[in-house]
Amino acid sequence: MPDRYRFLDRFTDEQLATMPESLHATLVRIEEGFKKSWVESELRRMEMYKNVI
């Protein structure tokens, strides 16, 4: 998955430790949503290339 979708990697361990749990949970949900969308997009792209070849 491209780095631009990795929100939690942008925070230091100290920031993550002091972050409110609700914010952390929201960031995890956003990151998981982007990961799912990215994977689905890559699978569609691979299927398209498979049909071309």
Protein backbone atom coordinates (compact mmCIF):
# COMPACT_ATOMS: atom_id res chain seq x y z
CA MET A 1 0.00 0.00 0.00
CA PRO A 2 1.41 3.44 -0.87
CA ASP A 3 2.84 5.48 2.00
CA ARG A 4 0.36 8.30 1.44
CA TYR A 5 -2.36 6.05 2.91
CA ARG A 6 -0.40 5.13 6.05
CA PHE A 7 -1.63 7.62 8.63
CA LEU A 8 -0.36 5.92 11.76
CA ASP A 9 3.23 5.73 10.45
CA ARG A 10 3.32 9.55 10.53
CA PHE A 11 3.08 9.67 14.33
CA THR A 12 5.85 9.04 16.84
CA ASP A 13 5.39 6.44 19.57
CA GLU A 14 5.02 9.26 22.09
CA GLN A 15 2.29 10.91 20.04
CA LEU A 16 0.45 7.61 19.69
CA ALA A 17 0.70 6.99 23.43
CA THR A 18 -0.82 10.39 24.28
CA MET A 19 -3.41 10.38 21.50
CA PRO A 20 -7.04 10.04 22.62
CA GLU A 21 -8.31 6.51 22.02
CA SER A 22 -11.19 7.78 19.87
CA LEU A 23 -8.77 9.59 17.54
CA HIS A 24 -6.54 6.53 17.28
CA ALA A 25 -9.55 4.31 16.52
CA THR A 26 -10.72 6.76 13.85
CA LEU A 27 -7.28 6.81 12.20
CA VAL A 28 -7.17 3.00 12.24
CA ARG A 29 -10.60 2.82 10.55
CA ILE A 30 -9.56 5.38 7.92
CA GLU A 31 -6.30 3.55 7.21
CA GLU A 32 -8.09 0.19 6.96
CA GLY A 33 -10.66 1.71 4.60
CA PHE A 34 -7.94 3.10 2.35
CA LYS A 35 -6.10 -0.22 2.45
CA LYS A 36 -9.26 -2.11 1.43
CA SER A 37 -9.98 0.36 -1.38
CA TRP A 38 -6.39 0.21 -2.60
CA VAL A 39 -6.33 -3.60 -2.60
CA GLU A 40 -9.65 -3.75 -4.46
CA SER A 41 -8.35 -1.23 -6.99
CA GLU A 42 -5.15 -3.24 -7.53
CA LEU A 43 -7.15 -6.45 -7.99
CA ARG A 44 -9.38 -4.78 -10.60
CA ARG A 45 -6.30 -3.43 -12.39
CA MET A 46 -4.67 -6.87 -12.40
CA GLU A 47 -7.88 -8.44 -13.72
CA MET A 48 -8.02 -5.83 -16.49
CA TYR A 49 -4.42 -6.56 -17.51
CA LYS A 50 -5.10 -10.29 -17.41
CA ASN A 51 -7.99 -9.83 -19.83
CA VAL A 52 -5.82 -7.77 -22.19
CA ILE A 53 -3.04 -10.34 -22.32
